[in-house]
Protein backbone atom coordinates (compact mmCIF):
# COMPACT_ATOMS: atom_id res chain seq x y z
CA UNK A 1 143.78 -30.06 -70.34
CA UNK A 2 145.69 -30.76 -73.55
CA UNK A 3 147.48 -33.94 -74.46
CA UNK A 4 150.23 -34.66 -76.93
CA UNK A 5 149.77 -37.66 -79.19
CA UNK A 6 152.17 -39.01 -81.81
CA UNK A 7 150.76 -40.60 -84.96
CA UNK A 8 153.19 -41.83 -87.61
CA UNK A 9 155.94 -39.89 -85.84
CA UNK A 10 154.06 -36.58 -86.05
CA UNK A 11 152.96 -34.73 -82.91
CA UNK A 12 149.28 -33.85 -82.50
CA UNK A 13 147.65 -31.90 -79.71
CA UNK A 14 144.34 -33.08 -78.32
CA UNK A 15 142.13 -30.36 -76.86
CA UNK A 16 138.60 -30.51 -75.45
CA UNK A 17 135.86 -29.82 -78.01
CA UNK A 18 134.70 -26.60 -76.31
CA UNK A 19 138.27 -25.27 -76.51
CA UNK A 20 138.47 -26.23 -80.18
CA UNK A 21 135.24 -24.31 -80.87
CA UNK A 22 136.69 -21.29 -79.08
CA UNK A 23 139.86 -21.48 -81.18
CA UNK A 24 137.82 -21.64 -84.38
CA UNK A 25 135.99 -18.53 -83.22
CA UNK A 26 139.19 -16.47 -82.99
CA UNK A 27 139.72 -17.14 -79.30
CA UNK A 28 136.28 -15.86 -78.33
CA UNK A 29 133.61 -17.92 -76.62
CA UNK A 30 130.88 -19.10 -78.97
CA UNK A 31 127.65 -17.45 -77.89
CA UNK A 32 124.69 -19.78 -78.01
CA UNK A 33 121.71 -20.77 -75.94
CA UNK A 34 122.59 -24.43 -76.43
CA UNK A 35 124.52 -26.34 -73.76
CA UNK A 36 128.17 -27.10 -74.48
CA UNK A 37 127.34 -30.81 -74.67
CA UNK A 38 125.05 -30.15 -77.64
CA UNK A 39 127.59 -27.83 -79.27
CA UNK A 40 130.22 -30.56 -78.85
CA UNK A 41 127.96 -33.02 -80.67
CA UNK A 42 127.41 -30.52 -83.49
CA UNK A 43 131.14 -29.81 -83.75
CA UNK A 44 131.91 -33.54 -83.88
CA UNK A 45 129.76 -33.76 -87.02
CA UNK A 46 128.46 -37.25 -86.38
CA UNK A 47 124.85 -36.20 -86.99
CA UNK A 48 123.30 -33.22 -88.74
CA UNK A 49 122.85 -30.21 -86.45
CA UNK A 50 119.10 -30.17 -87.15
CA UNK A 51 118.78 -33.73 -85.86
CA UNK A 52 120.92 -33.06 -82.79
CA UNK A 53 119.02 -29.93 -81.81
CA UNK A 54 115.62 -31.45 -82.62
CA UNK A 55 116.32 -34.37 -80.31
CA UNK A 56 117.67 -32.05 -77.60
CA UNK A 57 114.47 -30.01 -77.81
CA UNK A 58 112.38 -33.20 -77.60
CA UNK A 59 110.62 -32.57 -80.90
CA UNK A 60 109.60 -35.26 -83.38
CA UNK A 61 110.31 -34.95 -87.09
CA UNK A 62 106.59 -34.54 -87.73
CA UNK A 63 106.36 -31.68 -85.21
CA UNK A 64 109.45 -29.90 -86.53
CA UNK A 65 108.41 -30.30 -90.16
CA UNK A 66 105.00 -28.82 -89.37
CA UNK A 67 106.51 -25.92 -87.39
CA UNK A 68 108.90 -25.14 -90.25
CA UNK A 69 106.34 -25.63 -93.01
CA UNK A 70 108.32 -28.47 -94.58
CA UNK A 71 107.42 -32.04 -95.45
CA UNK A 72 108.67 -34.73 -93.10
CA UNK A 73 110.42 -36.61 -95.95
CA UNK A 74 112.34 -33.43 -96.88
CA UNK A 75 113.33 -32.93 -93.24
CA UNK A 76 114.52 -36.54 -93.11
CA UNK A 77 116.67 -35.98 -96.21
CA UNK A 78 118.24 -32.92 -94.58
CA UNK A 79 118.90 -34.76 -91.31
CA UNK A 80 120.46 -37.73 -93.09
CA UNK A 81 122.55 -35.58 -95.42
CA UNK A 82 120.86 -36.75 -98.61
CA UNK A 83 119.96 -33.12 -99.27
CA UNK A 84 121.66 -29.96 -98.05
CA UNK A 85 118.42 -28.07 -97.61
CA UNK A 86 117.76 -24.72 -99.18
CA UNK A 87 118.68 -21.52 -97.36
CA UNK A 88 114.96 -20.81 -96.93
CA UNK A 89 114.40 -24.27 -95.40
CA UNK A 90 117.35 -23.89 -93.03
CA UNK A 91 116.10 -20.45 -91.97
CA UNK A 92 112.66 -21.82 -91.12
CA UNK A 93 114.20 -24.77 -89.29
CA UNK A 94 116.46 -22.44 -87.31
CA UNK A 95 113.45 -20.33 -86.33
CA UNK A 96 111.46 -23.42 -85.31
CA UNK A 97 114.42 -24.72 -83.27
CA UNK A 98 115.10 -21.27 -81.76
CA UNK A 99 118.74 -21.16 -82.90
CA UNK A 100 120.84 -19.01 -85.20
CA UNK A 101 120.83 -20.34 -88.76
CA UNK A 102 124.64 -20.36 -88.72
CA UNK A 103 124.58 -23.33 -86.34
CA UNK A 104 122.71 -25.40 -88.93
CA UNK A 105 125.05 -24.65 -91.82
């Protein structure tokens, strides 16, 4: 279901988040093992994907940091956006969270 909204006299179309993700992916469904609710949260960008997926998996920061071979303070900085995280760190986090690294970037 799409809706039309006017802001400052300009028309905008509102679409569900899962449809927006599909449009960004060239009209193809985004393949992931994560539920659409979690993908919607990631797409909304309100929290870092690592934090969203970690909480969905029911893992503490201490557990995830240990599984990824990172320090908990460094993981906290990634989750809060204070640091971007190196490619190597994001790869190990993706492996520990059982997701494709592209979801975390």
